[in-house]
Protein backbone atom coordinates (compact mmCIF):
# COMPACT_ATOMS: atom_id res chain seq x y z
CA MET A 1 19.28 -3.49 70.08
CA SER A 2 18.74 -3.11 66.33
CA SER A 3 21.84 -0.94 66.01
CA ALA A 4 23.91 -3.59 67.79
CA LEU A 5 22.64 -6.29 65.44
CA ALA A 6 23.40 -4.05 62.47
CA GLY A 7 26.94 -3.61 63.73
CA LEU A 8 27.41 -7.34 64.10
CA SER A 9 26.07 -7.90 60.59
CA ASP A 10 28.72 -5.53 59.21
CA GLY A 11 31.53 -7.64 57.79
CA SER A 12 34.19 -5.21 59.00
CA VAL A 13 33.31 -5.87 62.65
CA ILE A 14 34.09 -9.57 62.24
CA GLY A 15 36.32 -9.53 59.18
CA TYR A 16 39.32 -7.60 60.49
CA PRO A 17 39.59 -9.45 63.83
CA VAL A 18 39.24 -12.79 62.01
CA LEU A 19 41.91 -11.75 59.52
CA PHE A 20 44.30 -10.58 62.24
CA GLY A 21 43.66 -13.58 64.47
CA GLY A 22 43.93 -16.11 61.66
CA VAL A 23 47.24 -14.74 60.36
CA LEU A 24 48.65 -14.32 63.86
CA LEU A 25 47.68 -17.85 64.88
CA GLY A 26 49.06 -19.33 61.68
CA SER A 27 52.32 -17.40 62.12
CA ILE A 28 52.85 -18.83 65.60
CA VAL A 29 51.24 -22.25 65.25
CA PRO A 30 51.31 -23.29 61.57
CA VAL A 31 47.88 -24.89 61.53
CA VAL A 32 46.16 -22.13 59.53
CA PRO A 33 47.00 -21.43 55.85
CA THR A 34 47.72 -17.75 56.44
CA GLY A 35 48.21 -16.94 52.76
CA ALA A 36 44.77 -18.30 51.95
CA VAL A 37 43.26 -16.18 54.73
CA VAL A 38 44.84 -13.01 53.33
CA GLY A 39 43.94 -13.84 49.73
CA ALA A 40 40.33 -14.58 50.68
CA ALA A 41 40.05 -11.32 52.64
CA ALA A 42 41.44 -9.35 49.69
CA ALA A 43 39.05 -11.04 47.26
CA PHE A 44 36.14 -10.28 49.58
CA ALA A 45 37.24 -6.64 49.83
CA MET A 46 37.25 -6.41 46.02
CA THR A 47 33.70 -7.73 45.67
CA ALA A 48 31.98 -6.33 48.78
CA ASP A 49 32.02 -3.04 50.68
CA ALA A 50 32.43 -4.62 54.10
CA LEU A 51 36.25 -4.65 53.98
CA ASN A 52 38.71 -2.05 52.77
CA LEU A 53 41.56 -3.40 50.63
CA PRO A 54 44.37 -1.14 51.95
CA LEU A 55 43.25 -1.90 55.50
CA VAL A 56 43.32 -5.63 54.72
CA LEU A 57 46.95 -5.20 53.65
CA VAL A 58 47.79 -3.28 56.84
CA VAL A 59 46.06 -5.76 59.16
CA ALA A 60 47.66 -8.77 57.44
CA THR A 61 51.10 -7.14 57.63
CA LEU A 62 50.80 -6.32 61.34
CA ALA A 63 49.47 -9.79 62.17
CA ALA A 64 52.27 -11.55 60.27
CA TRP A 65 54.87 -9.23 61.83
CA THR A 66 53.53 -9.83 65.34
CA GLY A 67 53.62 -13.59 64.78
CA ASP A 68 57.20 -13.48 63.56
CA VAL A 69 58.31 -11.34 66.50
CA VAL A 70 56.66 -13.72 68.97
CA THR A 71 58.28 -16.73 67.27
CA PHE A 72 61.69 -15.05 67.33
CA ALA A 73 61.29 -14.18 71.01
CA VAL A 74 60.50 -17.83 71.78
CA CYS A 75 63.53 -18.98 69.76
CA ARG A 76 65.83 -16.50 71.47
CA PHE A 77 64.65 -16.52 75.07
CA GLY A 78 62.71 -19.76 75.37
CA GLY A 79 64.17 -22.85 76.92
CA PRO A 80 65.10 -26.03 75.10
CA HIS A 81 61.54 -27.33 75.22
CA ALA A 82 60.11 -24.13 73.72
CA VAL A 83 62.73 -24.03 70.96
CA GLY A 84 62.19 -27.74 70.29
CA TRP A 85 58.45 -27.11 69.95
CA VAL A 86 59.11 -24.41 67.32
CA ALA A 87 61.66 -26.61 65.53
CA ARG A 88 59.45 -29.70 65.37
CA GLY A 89 59.45 -31.22 61.92
CA GLN A 90 62.60 -29.35 60.87
CA HIS A 91 65.64 -31.25 59.61
CA ALA A 92 68.95 -30.59 61.35
CA GLU A 93 70.81 -30.32 58.03
CA ARG A 94 68.36 -27.69 56.81
CA LEU A 95 68.69 -25.68 60.02
CA GLU A 96 72.48 -25.71 59.81
CA GLU A 97 72.34 -24.64 56.17
CA VAL A 98 70.06 -21.71 57.00
CA ARG A 99 72.29 -20.75 59.93
CA ASP A 100 75.32 -20.53 57.64
CA GLN A 101 73.37 -18.41 55.15
CA PHE A 102 72.15 -16.20 57.97
CA ARG A 103 75.71 -15.47 59.10
CA ARG A 104 76.58 -14.25 55.60
CA HIS A 105 73.44 -12.36 54.61
CA GLY A 106 71.59 -11.39 57.81
CA TRP A 107 68.43 -9.36 57.24
CA GLN A 108 68.10 -10.39 53.59
CA ILE A 109 67.56 -13.99 54.72
CA ILE A 110 64.75 -12.80 57.02
CA VAL A 111 62.94 -11.28 54.04
CA ILE A 112 63.57 -14.24 51.73
CA GLY A 113 62.62 -16.77 54.42
CA ARG A 114 59.23 -15.07 54.88
CA LEU A 115 58.46 -15.29 51.19
CA LEU A 116 59.57 -18.90 50.63
CA PRO A 117 57.39 -21.85 51.69
CA ALA A 118 58.66 -23.43 54.92
CA GLY A 119 61.47 -20.87 55.05
CA ARG A 120 60.26 -18.69 57.90
CA ILE A 121 60.72 -21.06 60.86
CA PRO A 122 64.33 -22.11 60.04
CA VAL A 123 65.31 -18.46 59.60
CA LEU A 124 63.75 -17.38 62.90
CA LEU A 125 65.37 -20.36 64.64
CA ALA A 126 68.75 -19.32 63.24
CA ALA A 127 68.16 -15.70 64.25
CA GLY A 128 67.29 -16.73 67.80
CA ALA A 129 70.24 -19.10 68.11
CA LEU A 130 72.65 -16.42 66.88
CA SER A 131 71.08 -13.74 69.15
CA TYR A 132 70.30 -11.49 66.21
CA PRO A 133 69.79 -7.92 67.54
CA TRP A 134 66.25 -6.58 67.86
CA ARG A 135 67.13 -3.29 66.16
CA ARG A 136 67.86 -5.21 62.97
CA LEU A 137 65.24 -7.89 63.24
CA LEU A 138 62.22 -5.63 63.74
CA PRO A 139 62.55 -3.55 60.54
CA ALA A 140 63.64 -6.57 58.49
CA SER A 141 60.72 -8.69 59.68
CA LEU A 142 58.31 -5.78 59.11
CA LEU A 143 59.50 -5.44 55.52
CA ALA A 144 59.23 -9.21 55.07
CA ALA A 145 55.68 -9.26 56.48
CA PHE A 146 54.63 -6.40 54.20
CA LEU A 147 55.99 -8.04 51.04
CA TRP A 148 54.42 -11.36 52.06
CA ALA A 149 51.02 -9.75 52.67
CA LEU A 150 51.27 -7.76 49.43
CA ALA A 151 51.89 -10.93 47.43
CA TYR A 152 48.82 -12.71 48.77
CA VAL A 153 46.64 -9.60 48.63
CA SER A 154 47.58 -9.35 44.94
CA LEU A 155 46.30 -12.89 44.34
CA GLY A 156 43.06 -11.95 46.05
CA VAL A 157 42.79 -8.79 43.94
CA ILE A 158 43.18 -10.83 40.75
CA SER A 159 40.37 -13.15 41.83
CA GLY A 160 38.13 -10.33 43.00
CA GLY A 161 38.67 -8.41 39.77
CA VAL A 162 37.51 -11.34 37.65
CA PHE A 163 34.49 -12.58 39.62
CA ASP A 164 31.64 -10.41 40.88
CA SER A 165 30.36 -12.91 43.45
CA PRO A 166 32.15 -12.55 46.83
CA LEU A 167 31.83 -16.28 47.52
CA THR A 168 33.26 -17.26 44.13
CA ALA A 169 36.07 -14.72 44.43
CA VAL A 170 36.99 -15.99 47.90
CA LEU A 171 37.03 -19.62 46.76
CA ILE A 172 39.11 -18.86 43.67
CA ALA A 173 41.53 -16.71 45.68
CA THR A 174 41.97 -19.51 48.20
CA ALA A 175 42.61 -22.00 45.39
CA LEU A 176 45.14 -19.65 43.75
CA VAL A 177 47.03 -19.20 47.00
CA LEU A 178 47.16 -22.93 47.71
CA LEU A 179 48.25 -23.62 44.13
CA ALA A 180 50.99 -20.98 44.31
CA GLY A 181 52.20 -22.47 47.58
CA ALA A 182 52.28 -25.98 46.11
CA VAL A 183 54.27 -24.79 43.07
CA LEU A 184 56.77 -22.92 45.25
CA ASN A 185 57.15 -25.98 47.49
CA LEU A 186 57.83 -28.14 44.46
CA VAL A 187 60.42 -25.73 43.04
CA THR A 188 62.13 -25.36 46.42
CA SER A 189 62.32 -29.11 47.00
CA ARG A 190 63.76 -29.69 43.52
CA ARG A 191 66.42 -27.03 44.03
CA ARG A 192 67.45 -28.63 47.32
CA ARG A 193 68.01 -31.94 45.55
CA VAL A 194 70.32 -30.45 42.90
CA PRO A 195 73.52 -30.26 45.05
CA THR A 196 73.07 -33.90 46.09
CA GLY A 197 72.84 -35.03 42.49
CA LYS A 198 75.87 -32.99 41.48
CA ALA A 199 77.90 -34.25 44.39
CA SER A 200 77.41 -37.83 43.27
CA GLU A 201 78.76 -37.20 39.75
CA PRO A 202 82.48 -37.51 40.60
CA ASP A 203 81.85 -40.97 42.09
CA SER A 204 80.50 -42.19 38.76
CA CYS A 205 83.60 -40.86 36.97
CA ARG A 206 86.10 -42.75 39.09
CA PRO A 207 88.24 -45.24 37.19
CA ALA A 208 87.54 -48.89 37.87
């Protein structure tokens, strides 16, 4: 009985399943800030012995990869209702833009879409609509998931290397991840507005 309680008190028994489940759930149903989960786990691994940092990276990568594969399968083989559920909240113009980019660049867009805020779902929708082959999607999405996990693990490492308290490191890592996501969202939204502003310039130069 005491050995069982000791096992439950070990952070690794709970930590890795929570990390995998949180990232997987957030990759399929975007209700969990997956980057914050990974950053917090990495910060905890830096300040406590319960989690192993390389294993955190591996678990986060596999969870993100599994979520992307499941989402792609739904987009490719699911019916209109399933695809519409994945595409909820997405703008038709944005989806068409990503689809055109996907035709030209293929697997590079899969990697970039994973790293950019709100870029993953449009890319997977485009891949499913264009029946992108599995033999290309699986390695590309695995690379994308690894780079994504590495980025957020690095934020957690920075926090864990500065603060000795696991709780403080986790909170700071979560704040850093959310701040990085907000900055990237702001930059991405500003870049999307640039073509619209440029397109309106010729109208202002027309003679009266």
